[in-house]
Amino acid sequence: MPALFITSLARSLLALGKRWRLAFGHLALVDTVRRERAALATLDDRLLADIGISREAAMAESLRDPYDLPRDRRPQTLSGSSHGGAAAPATPFALMRPLS
């Protein structure tokens, strides 16, 4: 009986640790997107033209909420499905998923 309790406790602690790692990974992704949007707002018209984005589109993107992640950058949830049905990209953040 004690071995079963210890095994169950160990599984619970591992699951809790995984949830914390996933939550911090999601926060890191949100911070990355926030910094990218801030940098986009500072680009001049020549650089925006080089990447094919208008000044209006760049400003609209830079004003989005940091938690409003683009569909192709949304990480998968713990259940394996992604927000909005898009698959998580193959990035360092692909292994980091938010709490569901």
PDB file of N, CA and C in Angstrom:
ATOM      1  N   MET A   1       0.808  -1.203   0.000  1.00  0.00           N
ATOM      2  CA  MET A   1       0.000   0.000   0.000  1.00  0.00           C
ATOM      3  C   MET A   1       0.854   1.271   0.000  1.00  0.00           C
ATOM      4  N   PRO A   2       1.914   1.388   0.813  1.00  0.00           N
ATOM      5  CA  PRO A   2       2.724   2.604   0.773  1.00  0.00           C
ATOM      6  C   PRO A   2       3.396   2.815  -0.582  1.00  0.00           C
ATOM      7  N   ALA A   3       3.781   1.737  -1.263  1.00  0.00           N
ATOM      8  CA  ALA A   3       4.429   1.886  -2.568  1.00  0.00           C
ATOM      9  C   ALA A   3       3.456   2.491  -3.575  1.00  0.00           C
ATOM     10  N   LEU A   4       2.193   2.092  -3.514  1.00  0.00           N
ATOM     11  CA  LEU A   4       1.184   2.640  -4.411  1.00  0.00           C
ATOM     12  C   LEU A   4       0.988   4.125  -4.131  1.00  0.00           C
ATOM     13  N   PHE A   5       0.964   4.502  -2.859  1.00  0.00           N
ATOM     14  CA  PHE A   5       0.807   5.908  -2.484  1.00  0.00           C
ATOM     15  C   PHE A   5       1.984   6.736  -2.992  1.00  0.00           C
ATOM     16  N   ILE A   6       3.192   6.223  -2.834  1.00  0.00           N
ATOM     17  CA  ILE A   6       4.392   6.947  -3.269  1.00  0.00           C
ATOM     18  C   ILE A   6       4.399   7.096  -4.785  1.00  0.00           C
ATOM     19  N   THR A   7       4.012   6.054  -5.497  1.00  0.00           N
ATOM     20  CA  THR A   7       3.941   6.118  -6.951  1.00  0.00           C
ATOM     21  C   THR A   7       2.912   7.161  -7.389  1.00  0.00           C
ATOM     22  N   SER A   8       1.764   7.151  -6.737  1.00  0.00           N
ATOM     23  CA  SER A   8       0.722   8.119  -7.065  1.00  0.00           C
ATOM     24  C   SER A   8       1.175   9.546  -6.755  1.00  0.00           C
ATOM     25  N   LEU A   9       1.840   9.725  -5.627  1.00  0.00           N
ATOM     26  CA  LEU A   9       2.343  11.039  -5.245  1.00  0.00           C
ATOM     27  C   LEU A   9       3.407  11.515  -6.243  1.00  0.00           C
ATOM     28  N   ALA A  10       4.288  10.623  -6.644  1.00  0.00           N
ATOM     29  CA  ALA A  10       5.339  10.976  -7.601  1.00  0.00           C
ATOM     30  C   ALA A  10       4.728  11.405  -8.932  1.00  0.00           C
ATOM     31  N   ARG A  11       3.714  10.699  -9.397  1.00  0.00           N
ATOM     32  CA  ARG A  11       3.043  11.074 -10.645  1.00  0.00           C
ATOM     33  C   ARG A  11       2.385  12.448 -10.524  1.00  0.00           C
ATOM     34  N   SER A  12       1.764  12.707  -9.401  1.00  0.00           N
ATOM     35  CA  SER A  12       1.121  14.002  -9.190  1.00  0.00           C
ATOM     36  C   SER A  12       2.140  15.135  -9.199  1.00  0.00           C
ATOM     37  N   LEU A  13       3.275  14.926  -8.542  1.00  0.00           N
ATOM     38  CA  LEU A  13       4.316  15.950  -8.510  1.00  0.00           C
ATOM     39  C   LEU A  13       4.919  16.177  -9.894  1.00  0.00           C
ATOM     40  N   LEU A  14       5.109  15.120 -10.673  1.00  0.00           N
ATOM     41  CA  LEU A  14       5.627  15.263 -12.025  1.00  0.00           C
ATOM     42  C   LEU A  14       4.655  16.044 -12.913  1.00  0.00           C
ATOM     43  N   ALA A  15       3.364  15.750 -12.777  1.00  0.00           N
ATOM     44  CA  ALA A  15       2.353  16.465 -13.561  1.00  0.00           C
ATOM     45  C   ALA A  15       2.322  17.943 -13.185  1.00  0.00           C
ATOM     46  N   LEU A  16       2.450  18.241 -11.903  1.00  0.00           N
ATOM     47  CA  LEU A  16       2.467  19.633 -11.457  1.00  0.00           C
ATOM     48  C   LEU A  16       3.689  20.354 -12.014  1.00  0.00           C
ATOM     49  N   GLY A  17       4.849  19.705 -11.983  1.00  0.00           N
ATOM     50  CA  GLY A  17       6.058  20.303 -12.540  1.00  0.00           C
ATOM     51  C   GLY A  17       5.920  20.570 -14.032  1.00  0.00           C
ATOM     52  N   LYS A  18       5.289  19.641 -14.740  1.00  0.00           N
ATOM     53  CA  LYS A  18       5.082  19.818 -16.176  1.00  0.00           C
ATOM     54  C   LYS A  18       4.183  21.012 -16.438  1.00  0.00           C
ATOM     55  N   ARG A  19       3.133  21.164 -15.646  1.00  0.00           N
ATOM     56  CA  ARG A  19       2.225  22.300 -15.832  1.00  0.00           C
ATOM     57  C   ARG A  19       2.941  23.623 -15.599  1.00  0.00           C
ATOM     58  N   TRP A  20       3.808  23.681 -14.595  1.00  0.00           N
ATOM     59  CA  TRP A  20       4.566  24.908 -14.344  1.00  0.00           C
ATOM     60  C   TRP A  20       5.491  25.222 -15.509  1.00  0.00           C
ATOM     61  N   ARG A  21       6.189  24.209 -16.028  1.00  0.00           N
ATOM     62  CA  ARG A  21       7.080  24.425 -17.169  1.00  0.00           C
ATOM     63  C   ARG A  21       6.294  24.913 -18.380  1.00  0.00           C
ATOM     64  N   LEU A  22       5.137  24.332 -18.614  1.00  0.00           N
ATOM     65  CA  LEU A  22       4.312  24.731 -19.745  1.00  0.00           C
ATOM     66  C   LEU A  22       3.815  26.160 -19.595  1.00  0.00           C
ATOM     67  N   ALA A  23       3.426  26.524 -18.378  1.00  0.00           N
ATOM     68  CA  ALA A  23       2.948  27.888 -18.136  1.00  0.00           C
ATOM     69  C   ALA A  23       4.064  28.902 -18.370  1.00  0.00           C
ATOM     70  N   PHE A  24       5.253  28.628 -17.869  1.00  0.00           N
ATOM     71  CA  PHE A  24       6.361  29.558 -18.073  1.00  0.00           C
ATOM     72  C   PHE A  24       6.776  29.607 -19.541  1.00  0.00           C
ATOM     73  N   GLY A  25       6.681  28.500 -20.248  1.00  0.00           N
ATOM     74  CA  GLY A  25       6.974  28.489 -21.678  1.00  0.00           C
ATOM     75  C   GLY A  25       6.003  29.361 -22.453  1.00  0.00           C
ATOM     76  N   HIS A  26       4.724  29.317 -22.062  1.00  0.00           N
ATOM     77  CA  HIS A  26       3.714  30.155 -22.711  1.00  0.00           C
ATOM     78  C   HIS A  26       4.015  31.630 -22.441  1.00  0.00           C
ATOM     79  N   LEU A  27       4.378  31.952 -21.223  1.00  0.00           N
ATOM     80  CA  LEU A  27       4.711  33.341 -20.897  1.00  0.00           C
ATOM     81  C   LEU A  27       5.927  33.814 -21.686  1.00  0.00           C
ATOM     82  N   ALA A  28       6.896  32.947 -21.895  1.00  0.00           N
ATOM     83  CA  ALA A  28       8.073  33.312 -22.689  1.00  0.00           C
ATOM     84  C   ALA A  28       7.668  33.602 -24.134  1.00  0.00           C
ATOM     85  N   LEU A  29       6.759  32.810 -24.686  1.00  0.00           N
ATOM     86  CA  LEU A  29       6.280  33.040 -26.049  1.00  0.00           C
ATOM     87  C   LEU A  29       5.537  34.370 -26.133  1.00  0.00           C
ATOM     88  N   VAL A  30       4.694  34.655 -25.166  1.00  0.00           N
ATOM     89  CA  VAL A  30       3.961  35.920 -25.149  1.00  0.00           C
ATOM     90  C   VAL A  30       4.934  37.094 -25.097  1.00  0.00           C
ATOM     91  N   ASP A  31       5.979  36.979 -24.295  1.00  0.00           N
ATOM     92  CA  ASP A  31       6.969  38.054 -24.204  1.00  0.00           C
ATOM     93  C   ASP A  31       7.714  38.224 -25.527  1.00  0.00           C
ATOM     94  N   THR A  32       8.036  37.134 -26.195  1.00  0.00           N
ATOM     95  CA  THR A  32       8.704  37.211 -27.490  1.00  0.00           C
ATOM     96  C   THR A  32       7.834  37.927 -28.514  1.00  0.00           C
ATOM     97  N   VAL A  33       6.556  37.571 -28.562  1.00  0.00           N
ATOM     98  CA  VAL A  33       5.628  38.208 -29.502  1.00  0.00           C
ATOM     99  C   VAL A  33       5.483  39.693 -29.160  1.00  0.00           C
ATOM    100  N   ARG A  34       5.438  40.034 -27.886  1.00  0.00           N
ATOM    101  CA  ARG A  34       5.330  41.434 -27.480  1.00  0.00           C
ATOM    102  C   ARG A  34       6.538  42.234 -27.972  1.00  0.00           C
ATOM    103  N   ARG A  35       7.747  41.675 -27.804  1.00  0.00           N
ATOM    104  CA  ARG A  35       8.962  42.368 -28.251  1.00  0.00           C
ATOM    105  C   ARG A  35       9.001  42.490 -29.770  1.00  0.00           C
ATOM    106  N   GLU A  36       8.566  41.461 -30.491  1.00  0.00           N
ATOM    107  CA  GLU A  36       8.541  41.521 -31.949  1.00  0.00           C
ATOM    108  C   GLU A  36       7.585  42.607 -32.440  1.00  0.00           C
ATOM    109  N   ARG A  37       6.434  42.720 -31.794  1.00  0.00           N
ATOM    110  CA  ARG A  37       5.473  43.747 -32.198  1.00  0.00           C
ATOM    111  C   ARG A  37       5.992  45.148 -31.896  1.00  0.00           C
ATOM    112  N   ALA A  38       6.684  45.311 -30.785  1.00  0.00           N
ATOM    113  CA  ALA A  38       7.274  46.613 -30.463  1.00  0.00           C
ATOM    114  C   ALA A  38       8.343  46.972 -31.491  1.00  0.00           C
ATOM    115  N   ALA A  39       9.138  45.999 -31.906  1.00  0.00           N
ATOM    116  CA  ALA A  39      10.172  46.250 -32.915  1.00  0.00           C
ATOM    117  C   ALA A  39       9.547  46.580 -34.263  1.00  0.00           C
ATOM    118  N   LEU A  40       8.449  45.932 -34.599  1.00  0.00           N
ATOM    119  CA  LEU A  40       7.759  46.197 -35.860  1.00  0.00           C
ATOM    120  C   LEU A  40       7.295  47.647 -35.923  1.00  0.00           C
ATOM    121  N   ALA A  41       6.840  48.178 -34.803  1.00  0.00           N
ATOM    122  CA  ALA A  41       6.352  49.560 -34.770  1.00  0.00           C
ATOM    123  C   ALA A  41       7.468  50.570 -34.999  1.00  0.00           C
ATOM    124  N   THR A  42       8.705  50.186 -34.783  1.00  0.00           N
ATOM    125  CA  THR A  42       9.821  51.127 -34.933  1.00  0.00           C
ATOM    126  C   THR A  42      10.434  51.117 -36.331  1.00  0.00           C
ATOM    127  N   LEU A  43      10.020  50.166 -37.191  1.00  0.00           N
ATOM    128  CA  LEU A  43      10.590  50.096 -38.536  1.00  0.00           C
ATOM    129  C   LEU A  43      10.134  51.280 -39.382  1.00  0.00           C
ATOM    130  N   ASP A  44      11.051  51.779 -40.225  1.00  0.00           N
ATOM    131  CA  ASP A  44      10.664  52.878 -41.118  1.00  0.00           C
ATOM    132  C   ASP A  44       9.952  52.309 -42.348  1.00  0.00           C
ATOM    133  N   ASP A  45       9.401  53.213 -43.172  1.00  0.00           N
ATOM    134  CA  ASP A  45       8.595  52.795 -44.320  1.00  0.00           C
ATOM    135  C   ASP A  45       9.395  51.969 -45.328  1.00  0.00           C
ATOM    136  N   ARG A  46      10.677  52.252 -45.497  1.00  0.00           N
ATOM    137  CA  ARG A  46      11.512  51.502 -46.431  1.00  0.00           C
ATOM    138  C   ARG A  46      11.635  50.047 -45.985  1.00  0.00           C
ATOM    139  N   LEU A  47      11.890  49.841 -44.684  1.00  0.00           N
ATOM    140  CA  LEU A  47      12.020  48.467 -44.174  1.00  0.00           C
ATOM    141  C   LEU A  47      10.687  47.735 -44.214  1.00  0.00           C
ATOM    142  N   LEU A  48       9.608  48.442 -43.921  1.00  0.00           N
ATOM    143  CA  LEU A  48       8.285  47.812 -44.008  1.00  0.00           C
ATOM    144  C   LEU A  48       7.983  47.400 -45.441  1.00  0.00           C
ATOM    145  N   ALA A  49       8.362  48.243 -46.417  1.00  0.00           N
ATOM    146  CA  ALA A  49       8.146  47.896 -47.823  1.00  0.00           C
ATOM    147  C   ALA A  49       8.971  46.665 -48.202  1.00  0.00           C
ATOM    148  N   ASP A  50      10.166  46.540 -47.632  1.00  0.00           N
ATOM    149  CA  ASP A  50      11.013  45.380 -47.922  1.00  0.00           C
ATOM    150  C   ASP A  50      10.354  44.070 -47.488  1.00  0.00           C
ATOM    151  N   ILE A  51       9.613  44.110 -46.397  1.00  0.00           N
ATOM    152  CA  ILE A  51       8.962  42.884 -45.926  1.00  0.00           C
ATOM    153  C   ILE A  51       7.506  42.795 -46.368  1.00  0.00           C
ATOM    154  N   GLY A  52       7.057  43.799 -47.153  1.00  0.00           N
ATOM    155  CA  GLY A  52       5.716  43.753 -47.735  1.00  0.00           C
ATOM    156  C   GLY A  52       4.585  44.070 -46.782  1.00  0.00           C
ATOM    157  N   ILE A  53       4.841  44.957 -45.825  1.00  0.00           N
ATOM    158  CA  ILE A  53       3.808  45.336 -44.859  1.00  0.00           C
ATOM    159  C   ILE A  53       3.615  46.842 -44.923  1.00  0.00           C
ATOM    160  N   SER A  54       2.367  47.273 -44.934  1.00  0.00           N
ATOM    161  CA  SER A  54       2.084  48.712 -44.939  1.00  0.00           C
ATOM    162  C   SER A  54       2.251  49.280 -43.535  1.00  0.00           C
ATOM    163  N   ARG A  55       2.401  50.588 -43.446  1.00  0.00           N
ATOM    164  CA  ARG A  55       2.520  51.266 -42.150  1.00  0.00           C
ATOM    165  C   ARG A  55       1.273  50.992 -41.301  1.00  0.00           C
ATOM    166  N   GLU A  56       0.096  51.018 -41.927  1.00  0.00           N
ATOM    167  CA  GLU A  56      -1.160  50.794 -41.196  1.00  0.00           C
ATOM    168  C   GLU A  56      -1.226  49.371 -40.627  1.00  0.00           C
ATOM    169  N   ALA A  57      -0.814  48.390 -41.445  1.00  0.00           N
ATOM    170  CA  ALA A  57      -0.827  47.003 -40.975  1.00  0.00           C
ATOM    171  C   ALA A  57       0.182  46.808 -39.844  1.00  0.00           C
ATOM    172  N   ALA A  58       1.346  47.451 -39.959  1.00  0.00           N
ATOM    173  CA  ALA A  58       2.361  47.337 -38.913  1.00  0.00           C
ATOM    174  C   ALA A  58       1.859  47.952 -37.603  1.00  0.00           C
ATOM    175  N   MET A  59       1.215  49.094 -37.698  1.00  0.00           N
ATOM    176  CA  MET A  59       0.698  49.739 -36.481  1.00  0.00           C
ATOM    177  C   MET A  59      -0.448  48.922 -35.870  1.00  0.00           C
ATOM    178  N   ALA A  60      -1.306  48.374 -36.729  1.00  0.00           N
ATOM    179  CA  ALA A  60      -2.401  47.538 -36.220  1.00  0.00           C
ATOM    180  C   ALA A  60      -1.841  46.309 -35.507  1.00  0.00           C
ATOM    181  N   GLU A  61      -0.808  45.690 -36.073  1.00  0.00           N
ATOM    182  CA  GLU A  61      -0.196  44.514 -35.449  1.00  0.00           C
ATOM    183  C   GLU A  61       0.481  44.891 -34.135  1.00  0.00           C
ATOM    184  N   SER A  62       1.156  46.029 -34.112  1.00  0.00           N
ATOM    185  CA  SER A  62       1.878  46.424 -32.896  1.00  0.00           C
ATOM    186  C   SER A  62       0.934  46.791 -31.752  1.00  0.00           C
ATOM    187  N   LEU A  63      -0.302  47.130 -32.077  1.00  0.00           N
ATOM    188  CA  LEU A  63      -1.269  47.500 -31.032  1.00  0.00           C
ATOM    189  C   LEU A  63      -2.078  46.308 -30.511  1.00  0.00           C
ATOM    190  N   ARG A  64      -1.873  45.134 -31.088  1.00  0.00           N
ATOM    191  CA  ARG A  64      -2.608  43.954 -30.615  1.00  0.00           C
ATOM    192  C   ARG A  64      -2.188  43.590 -29.199  1.00  0.00           C
ATOM    193  N   ASP A  65      -3.082  42.943 -28.492  1.00  0.00           N
ATOM    194  CA  ASP A  65      -2.818  42.479 -27.138  1.00  0.00           C
ATOM    195  C   ASP A  65      -1.700  41.435 -27.160  1.00  0.00           C
ATOM    196  N   PRO A  66      -0.767  41.476 -26.212  1.00  0.00           N
ATOM    197  CA  PRO A  66       0.330  40.493 -26.214  1.00  0.00           C
ATOM    198  C   PRO A  66      -0.148  39.039 -26.162  1.00  0.00           C
ATOM    199  N   TYR A  67      -1.289  38.789 -25.546  1.00  0.00           N
ATOM    200  CA  TYR A  67      -1.789  37.418 -25.445  1.00  0.00           C
ATOM    201  C   TYR A  67      -2.553  36.986 -26.695  1.00  0.00           C
ATOM    202  N   ASP A  68      -2.766  37.917 -27.626  1.00  0.00           N
ATOM    203  CA  ASP A  68      -3.431  37.602 -28.884  1.00  0.00           C
ATOM    204  C   ASP A  68      -2.367  37.098 -29.853  1.00  0.00           C
ATOM    205  N   LEU A  69      -2.029  35.823 -29.716  1.00  0.00           N
ATOM    206  CA  LEU A  69      -0.958  35.238 -30.511  1.00  0.00           C
ATOM    207  C   LEU A  69      -1.438  34.937 -31.925  1.00  0.00           C
ATOM    208  N   PRO A  70      -0.563  35.121 -32.920  1.00  0.00           N
ATOM    209  CA  PRO A  70      -0.934  34.731 -34.282  1.00  0.00           C
ATOM    210  C   PRO A  70      -1.257  33.234 -34.326  1.00  0.00           C
ATOM    211  N   ARG A  71      -2.173  32.871 -35.183  1.00  0.00           N
ATOM    212  CA  ARG A  71      -2.651  31.478 -35.232  1.00  0.00           C
ATOM    213  C   ARG A  71      -1.507  30.489 -35.449  1.00  0.00           C
ATOM    214  N   ASP A  72      -0.521  30.844 -36.277  1.00  0.00           N
ATOM    215  CA  ASP A  72       0.564  29.906 -36.551  1.00  0.00           C
ATOM    216  C   ASP A  72       1.593  29.821 -35.432  1.00  0.00           C
ATOM    217  N   ARG A  73       1.489  30.666 -34.409  1.00  0.00           N
ATOM    218  CA  ARG A  73       2.433  30.630 -33.291  1.00  0.00           C
ATOM    219  C   ARG A  73       1.787  30.153 -32.005  1.00  0.00           C
ATOM    220  N   ARG A  74       0.510  29.815 -32.062  1.00  0.00           N
ATOM    221  CA  ARG A  74      -0.178  29.361 -30.856  1.00  0.00           C
ATOM    222  C   ARG A  74       0.306  27.971 -30.472  1.00  0.00           C
ATOM    223  N   PRO A  75       0.772  27.811 -29.239  1.00  0.00           N
ATOM    224  CA  PRO A  75       1.233  26.481 -28.812  1.00  0.00           C
ATOM    225  C   PRO A  75       0.058  25.548 -28.570  1.00  0.00           C
ATOM    226  N   GLN A  76       0.373  24.258 -28.577  1.00  0.00           N
ATOM    227  CA  GLN A  76      -0.653  23.266 -28.305  1.00  0.00           C
ATOM    228  C   GLN A  76      -0.993  23.268 -26.826  1.00  0.00           C
ATOM    229  N   THR A  77      -2.198  22.822 -26.516  1.00  0.00           N
ATOM    230  CA  THR A  77      -2.623  22.694 -25.130  1.00  0.00           C
ATOM    231  C   THR A  77      -2.135  21.359 -24.586  1.00  0.00           C
ATOM    232  N   LEU A  78      -2.354  21.125 -23.318  1.00  0.00           N
ATOM    233  CA  LEU A  78      -1.936  19.866 -22.702  1.00  0.00           C
ATOM    234  C   LEU A  78      -2.636  18.663 -23.327  1.00  0.00           C
ATOM    235  N   SER A  79      -3.847  18.873 -23.847  1.00  0.00           N
ATOM    236  CA  SER A  79      -4.573  17.762 -24.446  1.00  0.00           C
ATOM    237  C   SER A  79      -4.064  17.422 -25.841  1.00  0.00           C
ATOM    238  N   GLY A  80      -3.163  18.261 -26.393  1.00  0.00           N
ATOM    239  CA  GLY A  80      -2.609  17.975 -27.703  1.00  0.00           C
ATOM    240  C   GLY A  80      -3.254  18.765 -28.815  1.00  0.00           C
ATOM    241  N   SER A  81      -4.435  19.339 -28.576  1.00  0.00           N
ATOM    242  CA  SER A  81      -5.053  20.156 -29.612  1.00  0.00           C
ATOM    243  C   SER A  81      -4.566  21.593 -29.448  1.00  0.00           C
ATOM    244  N   SER A  82      -4.563  22.323 -30.528  1.00  0.00           N
ATOM    245  CA  SER A  82      -4.093  23.703 -30.458  1.00  0.00           C
ATOM    246  C   SER A  82      -5.273  24.650 -30.408  1.00  0.00           C
ATOM    247  N   HIS A  83      -5.026  25.866 -30.043  1.00  0.00           N
ATOM    248  CA  HIS A  83      -6.063  26.890 -30.015  1.00  0.00           C
ATOM    249  C   HIS A  83      -6.435  27.214 -31.456  1.00  0.00           C
ATOM    250  N   GLY A  84      -7.679  27.096 -31.798  1.00  0.00           N
ATOM    251  CA  GLY A  84      -8.130  27.445 -33.126  1.00  0.00           C
ATOM    252  C   GLY A  84      -7.834  26.410 -34.193  1.00  0.00           C
ATOM    253  N   GLY A  85      -7.323  25.249 -33.838  1.00  0.00           N
ATOM    254  CA  GLY A  85      -7.121  24.181 -34.780  1.00  0.00           C
ATOM    255  C   GLY A  85      -5.801  24.204 -35.528  1.00  0.00           C
ATOM    256  N   ALA A  86      -4.964  25.227 -35.337  1.00  0.00           N
ATOM    257  CA  ALA A  86      -3.681  25.281 -36.046  1.00  0.00           C
ATOM    258  C   ALA A  86      -2.632  24.483 -35.282  1.00  0.00           C
ATOM    259  N   ALA A  87      -1.776  23.819 -36.011  1.00  0.00           N
ATOM    260  CA  ALA A  87      -0.707  23.047 -35.378  1.00  0.00           C
ATOM    261  C   ALA A  87       0.377  23.984 -34.865  1.00  0.00           C
ATOM    262  N   ALA A  88       1.018  23.587 -33.808  1.00  0.00           N
ATOM    263  CA  ALA A  88       2.101  24.396 -33.258  1.00  0.00           C
ATOM    264  C   ALA A  88       3.292  24.349 -34.209  1.00  0.00           C
ATOM    265  N   PRO A  89       3.990  25.466 -34.363  1.00  0.00           N
ATOM    266  CA  PRO A  89       5.132  25.493 -35.277  1.00  0.00           C
ATOM    267  C   PRO A  89       6.319  24.723 -34.712  1.00  0.00           C
ATOM    268  N   ALA A  90       7.242  24.379 -35.582  1.00  0.00           N
ATOM    269  CA  ALA A  90       8.454  23.684 -35.157  1.00  0.00           C
ATOM    270  C   ALA A  90       9.471  24.720 -34.698  1.00  0.00           C
ATOM    271  N   THR A  91       9.314  25.220 -33.499  1.00  0.00           N
ATOM    272  CA  THR A  91      10.210  26.215 -32.923  1.00  0.00           C
ATOM    273  C   THR A  91      10.647  25.713 -31.559  1.00  0.00           C
ATOM    274  N   PRO A  92      11.590  26.388 -30.923  1.00  0.00           N
ATOM    275  CA  PRO A  92      11.953  25.982 -29.564  1.00  0.00           C
ATOM    276  C   PRO A  92      10.766  26.021 -28.608  1.00  0.00           C
ATOM    277  N   PHE A  93       9.748  26.808 -28.955  1.00  0.00           N
ATOM    278  CA  PHE A  93       8.591  26.924 -28.082  1.00  0.00           C
ATOM    279  C   PHE A  93       7.548  25.844 -28.341  1.00  0.00           C
ATOM    280  N   ALA A  94       7.763  25.025 -29.358  1.00  0.00           N
ATOM    281  CA  ALA A  94       6.770  23.999 -29.700  1.00  0.00           C
ATOM    282  C   ALA A  94       6.575  23.001 -28.560  1.00  0.00           C
ATOM    283  N   LEU A  95       7.583  22.788 -27.751  1.00  0.00           N
ATOM    284  CA  LEU A  95       7.470  21.856 -26.634  1.00  0.00           C
ATOM    285  C   LEU A  95       6.856  22.505 -25.406  1.00  0.00           C
ATOM    286  N   MET A  96       6.710  23.809 -25.418  1.00  0.00           N
ATOM    287  CA  MET A  96       6.160  24.527 -24.272  1.00  0.00           C
ATOM    288  C   MET A  96       4.714  24.863 -24.552  1.00  0.00           C
ATOM    289  N   ARG A  97       3.850  24.319 -23.748  1.00  0.00           N
ATOM    290  CA  ARG A  97       2.418  24.501 -23.984  1.00  0.00           C
ATOM    291  C   ARG A  97       1.769  25.150 -22.771  1.00  0.00           C
ATOM    292  N   PRO A  98       0.713  25.956 -23.006  1.00  0.00           N
ATOM    293  CA  PRO A  98       0.042  26.625 -21.879  1.00  0.00           C
ATOM    294  C   PRO A  98      -0.853  25.649 -21.126  1.00  0.00           C
ATOM    295  N   LEU A  99      -1.259  26.055 -19.959  1.00  0.00           N
ATOM    296  CA  LEU A  99      -2.234  25.283 -19.206  1.00  0.00           C
ATOM    297  C   LEU A  99      -3.567  25.370 -19.917  1.00  0.00           C
ATOM    298  N   SER A 100      -4.328  24.295 -19.890  1.00  0.00           N
ATOM    299  CA  SER A 100      -5.628  24.326 -20.569  1.00  0.00           C
ATOM    300  C   SER A 100      -6.722  24.641 -19.576  1.00  0.00           C
TER     301      SER A 100
END
